[in-house]
Amino acid sequence: MGGMARSRSTDTSAPAGAAGRGPAGAPPGRGSKGSTAVGAAAAGGTGRRSKAPKAPKLGKDGQPKVSRLAKLKGQAGMIRQAYSMTYRNDPKLPWVMLIAFVVVAGVVELVGILLSSPFLFLPFAVLLGLLAALIVFGRRAQGSAYRQVEGRPGAASWVLEGMRGDWRVSSGVAGNRELDSVHRVLGRPGIVLVGEGNPQRVRSLIAAEKRRIAKVVGDAPIYDVTVGDGEGQVPLKKLSAHVMKLPRNLSGGEVNALGKRMSALGGARPPVPGGPLPGGRQMSVSQRQVRRR
């Protein structure tokens, strides 16, 4: 009886297994293969859904690449912002740009008329006229930016940080409560200490900073510049040109090695503003972009 009970138990479980393998009358194994295929397809679908997205392509600077269209849109936005800010301080800007365009385009087209080729010279006249208008815009924007920041604490630092090339600017390496400050610039000429504020107090700050870094820089040249309109000083609008015209005394490798030694100086930085606040706001990046062009 015990054996028959076990036999019945086995027989009753068979239909459930057959139902799992496939319909009645199907060849042995076909149902299991179909079930396996469905499971594999489900697993494959799940795998496709959970597949991680591709990582964005990186540029030489290690940042994700941006399409050219996005770059053009960004540049157009910066130019538009710079134009609106410059126009608020220089209402004559559009008229000056228009005059520059008309004069340059008219001269080029006049040459084309004299050469009996007015239509051939027309595209060149338009392009050169636009170029002249952009040059005028850049110069007016630069002048407007300098007028806004001149005389404000941190103006020299703002100018130095906008220079073209490999210049490593450390703003406010020395200063006092009167907001006189010294900024340090590392580049191919060597070390450039730029002071802004009261000339007498700035000279003492520069002398103290020279003594502090002399132990680290070794034989590297150290230049000092005082920003101002007095005798022996460099006007703010000529500061970047003055620094960039200094003789190239170091190679790129020597600049890197000197930078590592300079980083060992450490020390807390005084509370010197990182940049001027013309009109109660921080100067926008777009005006720096226009000035660099």
Protein backbone atom coordinates (compact mmCIF):
# COMPACT_ATOMS: atom_id res chain seq x y z
CA MET A 1 0.00 0.00 0.00
CA GLY A 2 2.82 2.31 0.81
CA GLY A 3 4.34 1.67 -2.64
CA MET A 4 1.02 2.27 -4.39
CA ALA A 5 0.60 5.57 -2.51
CA ARG A 6 3.97 6.70 -3.70
CA SER A 7 3.09 5.64 -7.28
CA ARG A 8 -0.14 7.67 -7.22
CA SER A 9 1.71 10.69 -5.90
CA THR A 10 4.17 10.46 -8.75
CA ASP A 11 1.42 10.05 -11.36
CA THR A 12 -0.55 13.10 -10.15
CA SER A 13 2.50 15.32 -10.39
CA ALA A 14 3.16 14.28 -13.98
CA PRO A 15 0.41 16.38 -15.64
CA ALA A 16 1.72 19.51 -13.91
CA GLY A 17 5.15 18.78 -15.31
CA ALA A 18 3.72 18.03 -18.74
CA ALA A 19 1.76 21.24 -18.66
CA GLY A 20 4.99 23.07 -17.86
CA ARG A 21 6.80 21.37 -20.74
CA GLY A 22 4.19 22.01 -23.43
CA PRO A 23 0.77 21.10 -24.77
CA ALA A 24 -0.49 17.52 -24.94
CA GLY A 25 0.55 15.62 -28.03
CA ALA A 26 3.59 17.72 -28.65
CA PRO A 27 6.87 15.91 -29.30
CA PRO A 28 9.02 15.35 -26.27
CA GLY A 29 11.39 18.22 -25.55
CA ARG A 30 9.73 20.75 -27.90
CA GLY A 31 7.93 22.53 -25.09
CA SER A 32 11.08 22.78 -23.00
CA LYS A 33 12.99 24.25 -25.91
CA GLY A 34 10.30 26.88 -26.49
CA SER A 35 10.28 27.70 -22.80
CA THR A 36 14.03 28.06 -22.83
CA ALA A 37 13.90 30.32 -25.87
CA VAL A 38 11.28 32.53 -24.26
CA GLY A 39 13.36 32.78 -21.12
CA ALA A 40 16.45 33.65 -23.14
CA ALA A 41 14.53 36.31 -25.06
CA ALA A 42 13.24 37.77 -21.82
CA ALA A 43 16.74 37.77 -20.38
CA GLY A 44 18.07 39.38 -23.54
CA GLY A 45 15.36 42.07 -23.43
CA THR A 46 16.18 42.79 -19.82
CA GLY A 47 19.85 43.05 -20.70
CA ARG A 48 19.14 45.56 -23.46
CA ARG A 49 17.04 47.71 -21.17
CA SER A 50 19.69 47.81 -18.46
CA LYS A 51 22.54 48.54 -20.84
CA ALA A 52 24.52 51.57 -19.65
CA PRO A 53 24.58 54.60 -21.97
CA LYS A 54 27.74 55.39 -23.88
CA ALA A 55 30.16 57.74 -22.18
CA PRO A 56 30.47 61.14 -23.89
CA LYS A 57 33.58 61.80 -25.94
CA LEU A 58 36.20 63.85 -24.16
CA GLY A 59 38.34 66.58 -25.65
CA LYS A 60 42.03 67.29 -25.09
CA ASP A 61 41.19 69.21 -21.93
CA GLY A 62 39.39 66.21 -20.45
CA GLN A 63 35.98 67.85 -20.73
CA PRO A 64 33.07 66.47 -22.81
CA LYS A 65 33.17 67.64 -26.41
CA VAL A 66 30.68 70.31 -27.44
CA SER A 67 29.23 70.46 -30.93
CA ARG A 68 30.15 73.36 -33.18
CA LEU A 69 26.57 74.56 -33.24
CA ALA A 70 26.51 74.72 -29.44
CA LYS A 71 29.80 76.62 -29.44
CA LEU A 72 28.46 79.14 -31.97
CA LYS A 73 25.31 79.63 -29.89
CA GLY A 74 27.39 80.18 -26.77
CA GLN A 75 29.67 82.70 -28.48
CA ALA A 76 26.68 84.54 -29.95
CA GLY A 77 25.11 84.73 -26.50
CA MET A 78 28.30 86.14 -24.97
CA ILE A 79 28.65 88.76 -27.71
CA ARG A 80 25.00 89.76 -27.29
CA GLN A 81 25.47 90.10 -23.53
CA ALA A 82 28.65 92.13 -23.99
CA TYR A 83 26.91 94.40 -26.49
CA SER A 84 23.98 95.10 -24.15
CA MET A 85 26.30 95.87 -21.23
CA THR A 86 28.51 98.13 -23.35
CA TYR A 87 25.51 99.92 -24.84
CA ARG A 88 24.23 100.85 -21.38
CA ASN A 89 27.51 102.68 -20.69
CA ASP A 90 28.15 103.82 -24.28
CA PRO A 91 24.89 104.82 -26.06
CA LYS A 92 26.86 105.95 -29.13
CA LEU A 93 28.09 102.41 -29.79
CA PRO A 94 25.63 101.43 -32.58
CA TRP A 95 26.18 104.70 -34.47
CA VAL A 96 29.97 104.38 -34.28
CA MET A 97 29.76 100.79 -35.52
CA LEU A 98 27.47 101.84 -38.36
CA ILE A 99 29.84 104.64 -39.40
CA ALA A 100 32.78 102.22 -39.41
CA PHE A 101 30.83 99.74 -41.54
CA VAL A 102 29.70 102.38 -44.06
CA VAL A 103 33.13 103.99 -44.41
CA VAL A 104 35.08 100.76 -44.92
CA ALA A 105 32.46 99.15 -47.17
CA GLY A 106 32.16 102.38 -49.20
CA VAL A 107 35.90 102.63 -49.74
CA VAL A 108 36.14 99.02 -50.92
CA GLU A 109 33.14 99.41 -53.20
CA LEU A 110 34.60 102.63 -54.61
CA VAL A 111 37.73 100.71 -55.56
CA GLY A 112 35.51 98.16 -57.29
CA ILE A 113 33.74 100.89 -59.24
CA LEU A 114 37.05 102.40 -60.35
CA LEU A 115 38.10 98.94 -61.56
CA SER A 116 34.77 98.46 -63.34
CA SER A 117 33.88 95.51 -61.10
CA PRO A 118 31.38 96.84 -58.54
CA PHE A 119 29.48 93.55 -58.17
CA LEU A 120 32.68 91.57 -57.79
CA PHE A 121 33.85 93.78 -54.92
CA LEU A 122 30.47 93.94 -53.18
CA PRO A 123 30.91 90.78 -51.02
CA PHE A 124 34.39 91.93 -49.97
CA ALA A 125 33.00 95.35 -49.09
CA VAL A 126 30.33 93.83 -46.85
CA LEU A 127 32.74 91.44 -45.12
CA LEU A 128 35.38 94.10 -44.50
CA GLY A 129 32.72 96.51 -43.27
CA LEU A 130 31.47 93.94 -40.75
CA LEU A 131 35.03 93.27 -39.64
CA ALA A 132 35.61 96.99 -39.06
CA ALA A 133 32.38 97.22 -37.04
CA LEU A 134 33.43 94.26 -34.87
CA ILE A 135 36.86 95.79 -34.26
CA VAL A 136 35.26 99.05 -33.19
CA PHE A 137 32.86 97.14 -30.95
CA GLY A 138 35.72 95.26 -29.27
CA ARG A 139 37.68 98.43 -28.57
CA ARG A 140 34.66 100.30 -27.24
CA ALA A 141 33.72 97.33 -25.04
CA GLN A 142 37.25 97.17 -23.69
CA GLY A 143 37.30 100.87 -22.94
CA SER A 144 33.90 100.68 -21.24
CA ALA A 145 35.02 97.76 -19.07
CA TYR A 146 38.19 99.57 -17.99
CA ARG A 147 36.24 102.71 -17.10
CA GLN A 148 33.91 100.66 -14.90
CA VAL A 149 36.63 98.85 -12.96
CA GLU A 150 39.30 101.56 -12.75
CA GLY A 151 39.97 102.65 -9.19
CA ARG A 152 38.13 99.71 -7.63
CA PRO A 153 39.85 97.12 -5.40
CA GLY A 154 40.73 94.02 -7.38
CA ALA A 155 40.78 95.76 -10.79
CA ALA A 156 44.37 94.73 -11.50
CA SER A 157 43.57 91.11 -10.66
CA TRP A 158 40.64 91.17 -13.09
CA VAL A 159 42.88 92.46 -15.88
CA LEU A 160 45.64 89.93 -15.18
CA GLU A 161 43.26 86.97 -15.20
CA GLY A 162 42.05 87.97 -18.67
CA MET A 163 45.50 87.86 -20.32
CA ARG A 164 46.08 85.49 -23.23
CA GLY A 165 48.61 82.70 -22.87
CA ASP A 166 49.98 80.59 -20.02
CA TRP A 167 49.87 83.04 -17.12
CA ARG A 168 49.30 81.69 -13.61
CA VAL A 169 47.76 84.45 -11.55
CA SER A 170 47.54 84.31 -7.75
CA SER A 171 45.33 87.16 -6.63
CA GLY A 172 45.86 88.92 -3.30
CA VAL A 173 49.02 87.16 -2.11
CA ALA A 174 49.63 90.19 0.12
CA GLY A 175 47.37 92.98 1.35
CA ASN A 176 46.22 95.13 4.23
CA ARG A 177 43.03 96.52 5.73
CA GLU A 178 43.10 99.52 3.40
CA LEU A 179 42.56 97.08 0.49
CA ASP A 180 46.01 97.68 -0.94
CA SER A 181 47.02 94.38 -2.50
CA VAL A 182 49.74 92.55 -4.38
CA HIS A 183 49.02 89.94 -7.05
CA ARG A 184 51.58 87.38 -8.19
CA VAL A 185 51.89 86.30 -11.83
CA LEU A 186 53.99 83.34 -12.95
CA GLY A 187 54.92 83.07 -16.61
CA ARG A 188 57.73 82.86 -19.12
CA PRO A 189 59.30 86.15 -17.91
CA GLY A 190 59.51 84.78 -14.36
CA ILE A 191 57.68 86.20 -11.34
CA VAL A 192 55.73 89.45 -11.74
CA LEU A 193 54.43 91.17 -8.60
CA VAL A 194 51.64 93.64 -9.39
CA GLY A 195 50.56 96.06 -6.67
CA GLU A 196 47.49 98.29 -6.60
CA GLY A 197 46.50 100.90 -4.06
CA ASN A 198 48.43 103.61 -2.25
CA PRO A 199 51.92 103.74 -3.86
CA GLN A 200 53.86 104.00 -0.58
CA ARG A 201 52.00 101.18 1.14
CA VAL A 202 52.14 99.04 -2.00
CA ARG A 203 55.92 99.38 -2.24
CA SER A 204 56.34 97.99 1.27
CA LEU A 205 53.96 95.12 0.46
CA ILE A 206 55.92 94.27 -2.70
CA ALA A 207 59.24 94.39 -0.84
CA ALA A 208 57.93 92.03 1.84
CA GLU A 209 56.57 89.63 -0.80
CA LYS A 210 59.92 89.66 -2.62
CA ARG A 211 61.72 88.65 0.56
CA ARG A 212 59.18 85.90 1.16
CA ILE A 213 59.52 84.26 -2.25
CA ALA A 214 63.27 84.86 -2.76
CA LYS A 215 64.08 81.66 -0.90
CA VAL A 216 61.93 79.61 -3.25
CA VAL A 217 62.36 81.09 -6.74
CA GLY A 218 66.16 80.86 -6.79
CA ASP A 219 67.63 82.67 -9.82
CA ALA A 220 64.28 83.28 -11.51
CA PRO A 221 63.76 86.97 -12.38
CA ILE A 222 61.32 88.94 -10.22
CA TYR A 223 59.60 92.00 -11.70
CA ASP A 224 57.44 94.46 -9.79
CA VAL A 225 54.72 96.68 -11.25
CA THR A 226 52.63 99.32 -9.53
CA VAL A 227 49.28 100.16 -11.11
CA GLY A 228 48.38 103.83 -11.32
CA ASP A 229 48.67 107.03 -13.34
CA GLY A 230 51.64 108.50 -11.48
CA GLU A 231 55.29 108.59 -12.45
CA GLY A 232 56.84 105.12 -12.66
CA GLN A 233 53.41 103.46 -12.55
CA VAL A 234 51.54 101.52 -15.24
CA PRO A 235 47.97 102.59 -16.12
CA LEU A 236 45.36 99.90 -15.68
CA LYS A 237 44.43 99.85 -19.38
CA LYS A 238 48.08 99.18 -20.30
CA LEU A 239 48.77 96.61 -17.58
CA SER A 240 48.19 93.45 -19.63
CA ALA A 241 50.25 94.77 -22.56
CA HIS A 242 53.08 95.74 -20.20
CA VAL A 243 53.24 92.31 -18.57
CA MET A 244 52.96 90.42 -21.87
CA LYS A 245 55.85 92.43 -23.36
CA LEU A 246 58.31 91.40 -20.63
CA PRO A 247 61.24 89.32 -21.94
CA ARG A 248 60.84 85.55 -22.02
CA ASN A 249 63.47 84.26 -19.59
CA LEU A 250 62.13 80.77 -18.79
CA SER A 251 61.11 77.74 -20.80
CA GLY A 252 57.82 75.93 -20.34
CA GLY A 253 59.45 73.21 -18.24
CA GLU A 254 61.15 75.76 -16.01
CA VAL A 255 57.82 77.53 -15.48
CA ASN A 256 56.21 74.24 -14.38
CA ALA A 257 59.06 73.47 -12.00
CA LEU A 258 58.93 76.97 -10.57
CA GLY A 259 55.18 76.67 -10.12
CA LYS A 260 55.64 73.53 -8.01
CA ARG A 261 58.16 75.32 -5.82
CA MET A 262 55.86 78.31 -5.46
CA SER A 263 53.00 76.09 -4.31
CA ALA A 264 55.12 75.18 -1.28
CA LEU A 265 54.85 78.73 0.05
CA GLY A 266 51.32 78.20 1.31
CA GLY A 267 50.09 80.66 3.90
CA ALA A 268 46.66 82.19 4.39
CA ARG A 269 45.57 84.75 1.83
CA PRO A 270 44.33 88.14 3.02
CA PRO A 271 40.70 89.10 2.42
CA VAL A 272 41.28 90.92 -0.88
CA PRO A 273 38.41 91.09 -3.42
CA GLY A 274 38.83 88.63 -6.25
CA GLY A 275 37.63 91.18 -8.81
CA PRO A 276 35.95 94.56 -9.09
CA LEU A 277 32.22 95.01 -8.84
CA PRO A 278 31.28 97.69 -11.38
CA GLY A 279 27.78 98.95 -10.87
CA GLY A 280 27.29 96.63 -7.90
CA ARG A 281 27.75 93.46 -10.00
CA GLN A 282 30.58 91.15 -10.94
CA MET A 283 31.99 91.82 -14.42
CA SER A 284 30.67 89.25 -16.85
CA VAL A 285 32.85 86.73 -18.64
CA SER A 286 31.54 87.89 -22.02
CA GLN A 287 33.32 91.22 -21.81
CA ARG A 288 36.56 89.40 -21.10
CA GLN A 289 35.98 87.26 -24.19
CA VAL A 290 35.44 90.35 -26.34
CA ARG A 291 38.50 92.00 -24.86
CA ARG A 292 40.64 88.96 -25.68
CA ARG A 293 39.57 89.13 -29.30
